Amino acid sequence: MTKTEKRLDKAIRVALTQACEQAKEQVHEFSWLTHTADLKKLPQSLKVSCYCKELPITAEQTQLITSLIIKELSAIDLAINAKAIAFLKE
């Protein structure tokens, strides 16, 4: 992994950690999230998996979590499609 890729990976992890912490504060059912990405093929390779204690969660909760993720990633100039965010049961 190059230095640039390491910096990018760290920035993604920091942004997603921020989104995760905000989501945990605002959505009781939300537990944690993880991601996968090929750093050479961003942003199309980025996938985020959100884990919830119970599913389904409301459309408003889904939209809130999705918005938090998109907002935090856009702060590091990384655009993600809402379709790349999955909601799964723990």
C-alpha atoms as a PDB file:
ATOM      1  CA  MET A   1       0.000   0.000   0.000  1.00  0.00           C
ATOM      2  CA  THR A   2       1.421   3.381  -0.984  1.00  0.00           C
ATOM      3  CA  LYS A   3       1.597   6.344   1.393  1.00  0.00           C
ATOM      4  CA  THR A   4      -1.208   8.025  -0.506  1.00  0.00           C
ATOM      5  CA  GLU A   5      -3.398   4.931  -0.167  1.00  0.00           C
ATOM      6  CA  LYS A   6      -2.611   4.713   3.551  1.00  0.00           C
ATOM      7  CA  ARG A   7      -3.625   8.352   4.046  1.00  0.00           C
ATOM      8  CA  LEU A   8      -6.801   7.797   2.060  1.00  0.00           C
ATOM      9  CA  ASP A   9      -7.640   4.638   4.016  1.00  0.00           C
ATOM     10  CA  LYS A  10      -7.145   6.487   7.298  1.00  0.00           C
ATOM     11  CA  ALA A  11      -9.316   9.400   6.126  1.00  0.00           C
ATOM     12  CA  ILE A  12     -12.101   6.976   5.146  1.00  0.00           C
ATOM     13  CA  ARG A  13     -11.909   5.217   8.521  1.00  0.00           C
ATOM     14  CA  VAL A  14     -12.008   8.534  10.416  1.00  0.00           C
ATOM     15  CA  ALA A  15     -14.980   9.779   8.372  1.00  0.00           C
ATOM     16  CA  LEU A  16     -16.916   6.538   8.824  1.00  0.00           C
ATOM     17  CA  THR A  17     -16.120   6.476  12.542  1.00  0.00           C
ATOM     18  CA  GLN A  18     -17.607   9.974  12.851  1.00  0.00           C
ATOM     19  CA  ALA A  19     -20.726   8.883  10.974  1.00  0.00           C
ATOM     20  CA  CYS A  20     -20.974   5.735  13.111  1.00  0.00           C
ATOM     21  CA  GLU A  21     -20.774   7.630  16.402  1.00  0.00           C
ATOM     22  CA  GLN A  22     -23.404  10.130  15.258  1.00  0.00           C
ATOM     23  CA  ALA A  23     -25.691   7.343  14.066  1.00  0.00           C
ATOM     24  CA  LYS A  24     -25.373   5.496  17.400  1.00  0.00           C
ATOM     25  CA  GLU A  25     -26.436   8.673  19.224  1.00  0.00           C
ATOM     26  CA  GLN A  26     -29.443   9.283  16.994  1.00  0.00           C
ATOM     27  CA  VAL A  27     -30.743   5.804  16.104  1.00  0.00           C
ATOM     28  CA  HIS A  28     -31.210   3.404  19.024  1.00  0.00           C
ATOM     29  CA  GLU A  29     -31.313   0.289  16.795  1.00  0.00           C
ATOM     30  CA  PHE A  30     -28.004   1.123  15.050  1.00  0.00           C
ATOM     31  CA  SER A  31     -24.947  -0.759  16.349  1.00  0.00           C
ATOM     32  CA  TRP A  32     -21.938  -0.381  14.064  1.00  0.00           C
ATOM     33  CA  LEU A  33     -20.696  -0.173  10.500  1.00  0.00           C
ATOM     34  CA  THR A  34     -17.848  -1.506   8.424  1.00  0.00           C
ATOM     35  CA  HIS A  35     -16.600  -0.951   4.905  1.00  0.00           C
ATOM     36  CA  THR A  36     -14.734  -2.563   2.059  1.00  0.00           C
ATOM     37  CA  ALA A  37     -12.941  -0.775  -0.745  1.00  0.00           C
ATOM     38  CA  ASP A  38     -10.346  -1.185  -3.425  1.00  0.00           C
ATOM     39  CA  LEU A  39      -8.394   2.031  -2.910  1.00  0.00           C
ATOM     40  CA  LYS A  40      -7.306   2.011  -6.553  1.00  0.00           C
ATOM     41  CA  LYS A  41     -10.946   2.003  -7.744  1.00  0.00           C
ATOM     42  CA  LEU A  42     -12.639   4.575  -5.534  1.00  0.00           C
ATOM     43  CA  PRO A  43     -15.407   5.608  -5.188  1.00  0.00           C
ATOM     44  CA  GLN A  44     -17.195   2.841  -7.114  1.00  0.00           C
ATOM     45  CA  SER A  45     -15.561   0.063  -5.068  1.00  0.00           C
ATOM     46  CA  LEU A  46     -16.552   1.504  -1.674  1.00  0.00           C
ATOM     47  CA  LYS A  47     -19.267  -0.466   0.108  1.00  0.00           C
ATOM     48  CA  VAL A  48     -20.543   0.312   3.601  1.00  0.00           C
ATOM     49  CA  SER A  49     -22.407  -2.240   5.731  1.00  0.00           C
ATOM     50  CA  CYS A  50     -24.485  -0.916   8.626  1.00  0.00           C
ATOM     51  CA  TYR A  51     -25.450  -3.353  11.354  1.00  0.00           C
ATOM     52  CA  CYS A  52     -28.574  -2.858  13.432  1.00  0.00           C
ATOM     53  CA  LYS A  53     -29.906  -4.664  16.501  1.00  0.00           C
ATOM     54  CA  GLU A  54     -33.318  -4.997  14.861  1.00  0.00           C
ATOM     55  CA  LEU A  55     -34.527  -4.776  11.290  1.00  0.00           C
ATOM     56  CA  PRO A  56     -36.388  -3.261   9.652  1.00  0.00           C
ATOM     57  CA  ILE A  57     -35.640   0.244  10.818  1.00  0.00           C
ATOM     58  CA  THR A  58     -37.839   3.100   9.644  1.00  0.00           C
ATOM     59  CA  ALA A  59     -37.263   4.852   6.336  1.00  0.00           C
ATOM     60  CA  GLU A  60     -36.415   8.015   8.275  1.00  0.00           C
ATOM     61  CA  GLN A  61     -33.731   6.191  10.268  1.00  0.00           C
ATOM     62  CA  THR A  62     -32.303   4.634   7.102  1.00  0.00           C
ATOM     63  CA  GLN A  63     -32.226   8.052   5.439  1.00  0.00           C
ATOM     64  CA  LEU A  64     -30.588   9.655   8.488  1.00  0.00           C
ATOM     65  CA  ILE A  65     -27.790   7.071   8.663  1.00  0.00           C
ATOM     66  CA  THR A  66     -27.266   7.228   4.894  1.00  0.00           C
ATOM     67  CA  SER A  67     -27.091  11.031   5.024  1.00  0.00           C
ATOM     68  CA  LEU A  68     -24.545  10.940   7.856  1.00  0.00           C
ATOM     69  CA  ILE A  69     -22.320   8.564   5.887  1.00  0.00           C
ATOM     70  CA  ILE A  70     -22.602  10.569   2.662  1.00  0.00           C
ATOM     71  CA  LYS A  71     -21.927  13.848   4.509  1.00  0.00           C
ATOM     72  CA  GLU A  72     -18.825  12.563   6.309  1.00  0.00           C
ATOM     73  CA  LEU A  73     -17.373  11.009   3.155  1.00  0.00           C
ATOM     74  CA  SER A  74     -18.079  14.126   1.096  1.00  0.00           C
ATOM     75  CA  ALA A  75     -16.009  16.090   3.644  1.00  0.00           C
ATOM     76  CA  ILE A  76     -12.987  14.132   2.372  1.00  0.00           C
ATOM     77  CA  ASP A  77     -14.052  14.560  -1.270  1.00  0.00           C
ATOM     78  CA  LEU A  78     -15.366  11.023  -1.637  1.00  0.00           C
ATOM     79  CA  ALA A  79     -18.800  10.588  -3.154  1.00  0.00           C
ATOM     80  CA  ILE A  80     -20.717   7.413  -2.395  1.00  0.00           C
ATOM     81  CA  ASN A  81     -23.976   6.252  -3.888  1.00  0.00           C
ATOM     82  CA  ALA A  82     -26.722   5.444  -1.378  1.00  0.00           C
ATOM     83  CA  LYS A  83     -27.049   2.031  -3.108  1.00  0.00           C
ATOM     84  CA  ALA A  84     -23.538   1.192  -1.834  1.00  0.00           C
ATOM     85  CA  ILE A  85     -24.818   1.332   1.764  1.00  0.00           C
ATOM     86  CA  ALA A  86     -26.409  -1.875   3.052  1.00  0.00           C
ATOM     87  CA  PHE A  87     -28.397  -2.396   6.248  1.00  0.00           C
ATOM     88  CA  LEU A  88     -28.012  -5.777   7.935  1.00  0.00           C
ATOM     89  CA  LYS A  89     -29.117  -7.378  11.196  1.00  0.00           C
ATOM     90  CA  GLU A  90     -26.395  -8.087  13.761  1.00  0.00           C
END
